[in-house]
């Protein structure tokens, strides 16, 4: 049984090796997850916990308790007399996330179509090259 803290270090080292070999972190988490029987989220959590520790703290500044308290107070103050609440910033910005996600899907579809068209063109050019080679032989 590994000592406390060793698993996270092992996972961090495995992920870094896979990333150095050309895999992205998400793929590395999935591979380690499949190999070890752990959930990919658990693998990722271990990796980022060790990364934060090695960086000397948090990779990204976290919001403090004071900010969270202020947000809760603002949400409570947003209640109306008729019992309906005002939309919070996250709810109001939901359209932006949908718009970005839809644009991303559209871009991926365009990229897929371009790759398929390029593949067809390569096949046609190879066929023509084979014909030229036969003529030269």
N, C-alpha and C. Protein backbone atom coordinates (compact mmCIF):
# COMPACT_ATOMS: atom_id res chain seq x y z
N UNK A 1 0.84 -1.19 0.00
CA UNK A 1 0.00 0.00 0.00
C UNK A 1 0.88 1.24 0.00
N UNK A 2 0.68 2.15 -0.93
CA UNK A 2 1.51 3.36 -0.98
C UNK A 2 1.26 4.24 0.24
N UNK A 3 2.29 4.97 0.61
CA UNK A 3 2.16 5.91 1.72
C UNK A 3 1.29 7.08 1.30
N UNK A 4 0.78 7.79 2.28
CA UNK A 4 -0.06 8.95 2.01
C UNK A 4 0.70 9.96 1.16
N UNK A 5 0.07 10.41 0.10
CA UNK A 5 0.68 11.41 -0.76
C UNK A 5 1.46 10.84 -1.94
N UNK A 6 1.78 9.55 -1.90
CA UNK A 6 2.55 8.95 -2.99
C UNK A 6 1.73 8.78 -4.25
N UNK A 7 0.47 8.45 -4.12
CA UNK A 7 -0.36 8.21 -5.30
C UNK A 7 -0.47 9.48 -6.14
N UNK A 8 -0.71 10.60 -5.49
CA UNK A 8 -0.79 11.87 -6.21
C UNK A 8 0.49 12.17 -6.95
N UNK A 9 1.63 11.94 -6.31
CA UNK A 9 2.92 12.17 -6.95
C UNK A 9 3.11 11.23 -8.13
N UNK A 10 2.71 9.97 -7.96
CA UNK A 10 2.82 9.00 -9.05
C UNK A 10 1.95 9.41 -10.23
N UNK A 11 0.73 9.81 -9.94
CA UNK A 11 -0.18 10.24 -11.00
C UNK A 11 0.38 11.47 -11.71
N UNK A 12 0.90 12.42 -10.94
CA UNK A 12 1.48 13.62 -11.54
C UNK A 12 2.60 13.24 -12.51
N UNK A 13 3.50 12.37 -12.06
CA UNK A 13 4.62 11.95 -12.90
C UNK A 13 4.14 11.22 -14.16
N UNK A 14 3.13 10.36 -14.00
CA UNK A 14 2.60 9.63 -15.17
C UNK A 14 1.98 10.60 -16.17
N UNK A 15 1.20 11.55 -15.69
CA UNK A 15 0.56 12.53 -16.58
C UNK A 15 1.63 13.34 -17.30
N UNK A 16 2.63 13.82 -16.57
CA UNK A 16 3.68 14.62 -17.19
C UNK A 16 4.42 13.83 -18.27
N UNK A 17 4.65 12.54 -18.03
CA UNK A 17 5.32 11.70 -19.03
C UNK A 17 4.45 11.55 -20.28
N UNK A 18 3.16 11.29 -20.09
CA UNK A 18 2.26 11.14 -21.23
C UNK A 18 2.13 12.45 -22.01
N UNK A 19 2.09 13.57 -21.30
CA UNK A 19 2.00 14.87 -21.97
C UNK A 19 3.28 15.14 -22.76
N UNK A 20 4.43 14.77 -22.18
CA UNK A 20 5.70 14.95 -22.88
C UNK A 20 5.76 14.09 -24.14
N UNK A 21 5.05 12.95 -24.13
CA UNK A 21 5.00 12.06 -25.29
C UNK A 21 3.99 12.52 -26.33
N UNK A 22 3.30 13.65 -26.09
CA UNK A 22 2.41 14.21 -27.09
C UNK A 22 0.92 14.11 -26.78
N UNK A 23 0.55 13.53 -25.67
CA UNK A 23 -0.85 13.40 -25.30
C UNK A 23 -1.27 14.67 -24.56
N UNK A 24 -2.56 15.07 -24.66
CA UNK A 24 -2.99 16.20 -23.86
C UNK A 24 -3.40 15.69 -22.47
N UNK A 25 -3.60 16.60 -21.53
CA UNK A 25 -3.86 16.17 -20.15
C UNK A 25 -5.15 15.36 -20.03
N UNK A 26 -6.19 15.77 -20.74
CA UNK A 26 -7.46 15.05 -20.65
C UNK A 26 -7.29 13.61 -21.10
N UNK A 27 -6.56 13.42 -22.20
CA UNK A 27 -6.30 12.05 -22.69
C UNK A 27 -5.46 11.28 -21.69
N UNK A 28 -4.47 11.95 -21.09
CA UNK A 28 -3.62 11.30 -20.10
C UNK A 28 -4.44 10.88 -18.88
N UNK A 29 -5.35 11.76 -18.43
CA UNK A 29 -6.20 11.40 -17.29
C UNK A 29 -7.04 10.17 -17.63
N UNK A 30 -7.60 10.14 -18.85
CA UNK A 30 -8.44 9.01 -19.26
C UNK A 30 -7.62 7.72 -19.32
N UNK A 31 -6.40 7.79 -19.86
CA UNK A 31 -5.56 6.59 -19.97
C UNK A 31 -5.19 6.06 -18.59
N UNK A 32 -4.75 6.95 -17.72
CA UNK A 32 -4.37 6.53 -16.37
C UNK A 32 -5.60 5.99 -15.64
N UNK A 33 -6.75 6.60 -15.87
CA UNK A 33 -8.00 6.14 -15.28
C UNK A 33 -8.29 4.70 -15.72
N UNK A 34 -8.18 4.45 -17.01
CA UNK A 34 -8.44 3.10 -17.53
C UNK A 34 -7.43 2.10 -17.00
N UNK A 35 -6.17 2.51 -16.91
CA UNK A 35 -5.11 1.60 -16.44
C UNK A 35 -5.23 1.28 -14.95
N UNK A 36 -5.66 2.28 -14.15
CA UNK A 36 -5.64 2.11 -12.70
C UNK A 36 -6.99 1.76 -12.09
N UNK A 37 -8.07 1.97 -12.86
CA UNK A 37 -9.40 1.71 -12.31
C UNK A 37 -9.96 2.89 -11.53
N UNK A 38 -9.23 4.00 -11.49
CA UNK A 38 -9.73 5.20 -10.81
C UNK A 38 -10.56 6.01 -11.80
N UNK A 39 -11.41 6.86 -11.30
CA UNK A 39 -12.18 7.74 -12.18
C UNK A 39 -11.27 8.83 -12.72
N UNK A 40 -11.55 9.26 -13.94
CA UNK A 40 -10.72 10.30 -14.57
C UNK A 40 -10.72 11.58 -13.73
N UNK A 41 -11.86 11.91 -13.12
CA UNK A 41 -11.92 13.10 -12.27
C UNK A 41 -11.03 12.99 -11.05
N UNK A 42 -10.92 11.77 -10.51
CA UNK A 42 -10.05 11.54 -9.36
C UNK A 42 -8.59 11.70 -9.77
N UNK A 43 -8.27 11.17 -10.94
CA UNK A 43 -6.90 11.29 -11.46
C UNK A 43 -6.57 12.77 -11.65
N UNK A 44 -7.50 13.52 -12.27
CA UNK A 44 -7.27 14.94 -12.51
C UNK A 44 -7.12 15.70 -11.20
N UNK A 45 -7.96 15.38 -10.22
CA UNK A 45 -7.89 16.07 -8.93
C UNK A 45 -6.53 15.82 -8.27
N UNK A 46 -6.05 14.58 -8.32
CA UNK A 46 -4.73 14.26 -7.77
C UNK A 46 -3.64 15.04 -8.49
N UNK A 47 -3.73 15.06 -9.81
CA UNK A 47 -2.72 15.77 -10.61
C UNK A 47 -2.67 17.25 -10.23
N UNK A 48 -3.82 17.91 -10.23
CA UNK A 48 -3.83 19.35 -9.96
C UNK A 48 -3.49 19.69 -8.51
N UNK A 49 -3.81 18.79 -7.58
CA UNK A 49 -3.43 19.03 -6.19
C UNK A 49 -1.91 19.04 -6.06
N UNK A 50 -1.25 18.08 -6.72
CA UNK A 50 0.22 18.02 -6.68
C UNK A 50 0.81 19.22 -7.44
N UNK A 51 0.20 19.59 -8.56
CA UNK A 51 0.68 20.73 -9.33
C UNK A 51 0.62 22.00 -8.49
N UNK A 52 -0.48 22.19 -7.75
CA UNK A 52 -0.59 23.37 -6.88
C UNK A 52 0.48 23.33 -5.79
N UNK A 53 0.68 22.15 -5.22
CA UNK A 53 1.67 22.01 -4.17
C UNK A 53 3.07 22.34 -4.69
N UNK A 54 3.39 21.85 -5.88
CA UNK A 54 4.71 22.10 -6.46
C UNK A 54 4.88 23.56 -6.86
N UNK A 55 3.79 24.22 -7.20
CA UNK A 55 3.85 25.63 -7.60
C UNK A 55 3.91 26.54 -6.37
N UNK A 56 3.82 25.96 -5.20
CA UNK A 56 3.90 26.76 -3.98
C UNK A 56 2.58 27.38 -3.59
N UNK A 57 1.51 26.80 -4.02
CA UNK A 57 0.19 27.31 -3.69
C UNK A 57 -0.77 27.01 -4.80
N UNK A 58 -1.71 27.87 -5.01
CA UNK A 58 -2.74 27.67 -6.00
C UNK A 58 -2.24 28.06 -7.38
N UNK A 59 -2.67 27.31 -8.40
CA UNK A 59 -2.33 27.65 -9.77
C UNK A 59 -3.07 28.91 -10.20
N UNK A 60 -4.29 29.05 -9.73
CA UNK A 60 -5.10 30.23 -10.01
C UNK A 60 -5.58 30.77 -8.68
N UNK A 61 -5.61 32.06 -8.52
CA UNK A 61 -6.12 32.59 -7.26
C UNK A 61 -7.59 32.21 -7.09
N UNK A 62 -7.90 31.75 -5.92
CA UNK A 62 -9.29 31.39 -5.63
C UNK A 62 -9.98 32.58 -5.00
N UNK A 63 -11.28 32.62 -5.16
CA UNK A 63 -12.04 33.70 -4.53
C UNK A 63 -12.09 33.44 -3.03
N UNK A 64 -11.93 34.48 -2.28
CA UNK A 64 -11.94 34.34 -0.82
C UNK A 64 -13.34 34.19 -0.26
N UNK A 65 -13.40 33.82 1.00
CA UNK A 65 -14.69 33.65 1.67
C UNK A 65 -15.46 34.96 1.70
N UNK A 66 -14.73 36.07 1.77
CA UNK A 66 -15.38 37.37 1.81
C UNK A 66 -16.15 37.62 0.51
N UNK A 67 -15.55 37.27 -0.62
CA UNK A 67 -16.23 37.47 -1.90
C UNK A 67 -17.47 36.58 -2.00
N UNK A 68 -17.36 35.34 -1.52
CA UNK A 68 -18.51 34.43 -1.56
C UNK A 68 -19.64 34.96 -0.69
N UNK A 69 -19.29 35.48 0.48
CA UNK A 69 -20.30 36.04 1.37
C UNK A 69 -20.98 37.23 0.73
N UNK A 70 -20.20 38.07 0.06
CA UNK A 70 -20.76 39.25 -0.61
C UNK A 70 -21.72 38.84 -1.71
N UNK A 71 -21.37 37.79 -2.45
CA UNK A 71 -22.25 37.33 -3.54
C UNK A 71 -23.57 36.79 -2.96
N UNK A 72 -23.47 36.04 -1.87
CA UNK A 72 -24.71 35.52 -1.25
C UNK A 72 -25.58 36.66 -0.75
N UNK A 73 -24.96 37.66 -0.15
CA UNK A 73 -25.71 38.80 0.36
C UNK A 73 -26.38 39.54 -0.80
N UNK A 74 -25.66 39.70 -1.89
CA UNK A 74 -26.23 40.39 -3.05
C UNK A 74 -27.39 39.59 -3.64
N UNK A 75 -27.27 38.27 -3.65
CA UNK A 75 -28.34 37.43 -4.19
C UNK A 75 -29.58 37.54 -3.30
N UNK A 76 -29.37 37.56 -1.98
CA UNK A 76 -30.50 37.69 -1.07
C UNK A 76 -31.16 39.06 -1.24
N UNK A 77 -30.35 40.09 -1.40
CA UNK A 77 -30.89 41.43 -1.56
C UNK A 77 -31.63 41.55 -2.88
N UNK A 78 -31.34 40.67 -3.82
CA UNK A 78 -31.97 40.73 -5.13
C UNK A 78 -33.39 40.21 -5.13
N UNK A 79 -33.85 39.66 -4.01
CA UNK A 79 -35.22 39.16 -3.95
C UNK A 79 -36.19 40.31 -4.01
N UNK A 80 -37.27 40.08 -4.69
CA UNK A 80 -38.30 41.12 -4.80
C UNK A 80 -39.41 40.86 -3.79
N UNK A 81 -40.23 41.83 -3.62
CA UNK A 81 -41.32 41.71 -2.65
C UNK A 81 -42.29 40.62 -3.06
N UNK A 82 -42.45 40.37 -4.37
CA UNK A 82 -43.42 39.37 -4.80
C UNK A 82 -42.83 37.95 -4.76
N UNK A 83 -41.63 37.79 -4.23
CA UNK A 83 -41.04 36.47 -4.06
C UNK A 83 -40.20 36.01 -5.24
N UNK A 84 -40.22 36.76 -6.32
CA UNK A 84 -39.39 36.38 -7.47
C UNK A 84 -38.00 36.96 -7.29
N UNK A 85 -37.01 36.21 -7.71
CA UNK A 85 -35.63 36.68 -7.60
C UNK A 85 -35.17 37.25 -8.93
N UNK A 86 -34.27 38.22 -8.84
CA UNK A 86 -33.66 38.74 -10.05
C UNK A 86 -32.70 37.71 -10.59
N UNK A 87 -32.46 37.81 -11.89
CA UNK A 87 -31.49 36.91 -12.50
C UNK A 87 -30.10 37.25 -12.00
N UNK A 88 -29.34 36.22 -11.66
CA UNK A 88 -27.96 36.46 -11.23
C UNK A 88 -27.09 36.60 -12.46
N UNK A 89 -25.88 37.02 -12.25
CA UNK A 89 -24.94 37.20 -13.36
C UNK A 89 -24.74 35.89 -14.11
N UNK A 90 -24.63 34.77 -13.40
CA UNK A 90 -24.42 33.48 -14.05
C UNK A 90 -25.61 33.12 -14.94
N UNK A 91 -26.83 33.41 -14.45
CA UNK A 91 -28.01 33.10 -15.26
C UNK A 91 -28.08 34.02 -16.47
N UNK A 92 -27.76 35.27 -16.29
CA UNK A 92 -27.82 36.22 -17.39
C UNK A 92 -26.76 35.91 -18.44
N UNK A 93 -25.61 35.40 -18.03
CA UNK A 93 -24.53 35.09 -18.96
C UNK A 93 -24.67 33.74 -19.60
N UNK A 94 -25.70 32.98 -19.27
CA UNK A 94 -25.88 31.64 -19.83
C UNK A 94 -25.97 31.66 -21.34
N UNK A 95 -26.51 32.72 -21.91
CA UNK A 95 -26.60 32.82 -23.36
C UNK A 95 -25.24 32.88 -24.01
N UNK A 96 -24.29 33.52 -23.33
CA UNK A 96 -22.93 33.59 -23.86
C UNK A 96 -22.32 32.20 -23.94
N UNK A 97 -22.53 31.39 -22.93
CA UNK A 97 -21.99 30.04 -22.93
C UNK A 97 -22.62 29.23 -24.05
N UNK A 98 -23.93 29.37 -24.22
CA UNK A 98 -24.61 28.65 -25.31
C UNK A 98 -24.09 29.11 -26.66
N UNK A 99 -23.90 30.41 -26.81
CA UNK A 99 -23.41 30.94 -28.08
C UNK A 99 -22.01 30.42 -28.37
N UNK A 100 -21.16 30.41 -27.36
CA UNK A 100 -19.78 29.93 -27.53
C UNK A 100 -19.79 28.43 -27.85
N UNK A 101 -20.61 27.67 -27.14
CA UNK A 101 -20.68 26.23 -27.39
C UNK A 101 -21.18 25.94 -28.80
N UNK A 102 -22.20 26.67 -29.24
CA UNK A 102 -22.72 26.47 -30.60
C UNK A 102 -21.67 26.85 -31.65
N UNK A 103 -20.93 27.92 -31.40
CA UNK A 103 -19.87 28.33 -32.33
C UNK A 103 -18.78 27.27 -32.38
N UNK A 104 -18.46 26.71 -31.23
CA UNK A 104 -17.44 25.66 -31.16
C UNK A 104 -17.87 24.43 -31.94
N UNK A 105 -19.12 24.02 -31.77
CA UNK A 105 -19.64 22.87 -32.51
C UNK A 105 -19.60 23.14 -34.02
N UNK A 106 -20.00 24.34 -34.41
CA UNK A 106 -19.97 24.70 -35.83
C UNK A 106 -18.55 24.69 -36.38
N UNK A 107 -17.61 25.21 -35.62
CA UNK A 107 -16.22 25.21 -36.06
C UNK A 107 -15.67 23.80 -36.18
N UNK A 108 -16.03 22.93 -35.27
CA UNK A 108 -15.57 21.54 -35.33
C UNK A 108 -16.17 20.85 -36.55
N UNK A 109 -17.43 21.12 -36.83
CA UNK A 109 -18.05 20.53 -38.03
C UNK A 109 -17.35 21.02 -39.30
N UNK A 110 -17.03 22.31 -39.36
CA UNK A 110 -16.32 22.84 -40.52
C UNK A 110 -14.94 22.21 -40.66
N UNK A 111 -14.25 22.04 -39.55
CA UNK A 111 -12.94 21.41 -39.57
C UNK A 111 -13.04 19.96 -40.03
N UNK A 112 -14.04 19.24 -39.54
CA UNK A 112 -14.26 17.86 -39.96
C UNK A 112 -14.50 17.78 -41.45
N UNK A 113 -15.33 18.66 -41.97
CA UNK A 113 -15.61 18.67 -43.41
C UNK A 113 -14.36 18.99 -44.21
N UNK A 114 -13.55 19.92 -43.73
CA UNK A 114 -12.32 20.28 -44.43
C UNK A 114 -11.34 19.10 -44.45
N UNK A 115 -11.23 18.40 -43.33
CA UNK A 115 -10.33 17.24 -43.27
C UNK A 115 -10.81 16.14 -44.20
N UNK A 116 -12.12 15.90 -44.24
CA UNK A 116 -12.66 14.89 -45.15
C UNK A 116 -12.41 15.26 -46.60
N UNK A 117 -12.61 16.53 -46.95
CA UNK A 117 -12.36 16.99 -48.32
C UNK A 117 -10.89 16.85 -48.67
N UNK A 118 -10.03 17.19 -47.74
CA UNK A 118 -8.60 17.06 -47.98
C UNK A 118 -8.21 15.59 -48.16
N UNK A 119 -8.81 14.72 -47.39
CA UNK A 119 -8.54 13.29 -47.51
C UNK A 119 -8.95 12.78 -48.89
N UNK A 120 -10.13 13.22 -49.38
CA UNK A 120 -10.57 12.83 -50.72
C UNK A 120 -9.60 13.34 -51.78
N UNK A 121 -9.14 14.59 -51.61
CA UNK A 121 -8.21 15.18 -52.57
C UNK A 121 -6.88 14.43 -52.56
N UNK A 122 -6.39 14.05 -51.42
CA UNK A 122 -5.14 13.29 -51.32
C UNK A 122 -5.30 11.94 -52.02
N UNK A 123 -6.44 11.27 -51.80
CA UNK A 123 -6.68 9.98 -52.46
C UNK A 123 -6.68 10.14 -53.98
N UNK A 124 -7.31 11.20 -54.48
CA UNK A 124 -7.35 11.45 -55.92
C UNK A 124 -5.95 11.73 -56.46
N UNK A 125 -5.17 12.55 -55.75
CA UNK A 125 -3.81 12.86 -56.20
C UNK A 125 -2.92 11.63 -56.17
N UNK A 126 -3.09 10.77 -55.18
CA UNK A 126 -2.30 9.53 -55.13
C UNK A 126 -2.64 8.63 -56.30
N UNK A 127 -3.91 8.57 -56.63
CA UNK A 127 -4.35 7.76 -57.77
C UNK A 127 -3.71 8.29 -59.06
N UNK A 128 -3.72 9.59 -59.22
CA UNK A 128 -3.11 10.18 -60.41
C UNK A 128 -1.61 9.92 -60.45
N UNK A 129 -0.95 10.02 -59.27
CA UNK A 129 0.48 9.76 -59.19
C UNK A 129 0.79 8.31 -59.54
N UNK A 130 -0.04 7.39 -59.07
CA UNK A 130 0.14 5.96 -59.41
C UNK A 130 0.03 5.76 -60.91
N UNK A 131 -0.93 6.45 -61.55
CA UNK A 131 -1.07 6.36 -63.00
C UNK A 131 0.15 6.87 -63.73
N UNK A 132 0.70 7.97 -63.27
CA UNK A 132 1.91 8.53 -63.88
C UNK A 132 3.08 7.57 -63.71
N UNK A 133 3.19 6.98 -62.51
CA UNK A 133 4.28 6.02 -62.27
C UNK A 133 4.18 4.81 -63.20
N UNK A 134 2.95 4.35 -63.44
CA UNK A 134 2.75 3.20 -64.36
C UNK A 134 3.18 3.56 -65.76
N UNK A 135 2.89 4.78 -66.18
CA UNK A 135 3.29 5.24 -67.51
C UNK A 135 4.81 5.31 -67.65
N UNK A 136 5.49 5.70 -66.55
CA UNK A 136 6.94 5.85 -66.59
C UNK A 136 7.67 4.51 -66.52
N UNK A 137 7.04 3.49 -66.01
CA UNK A 137 7.68 2.17 -65.87
C UNK A 137 7.66 1.37 -67.12
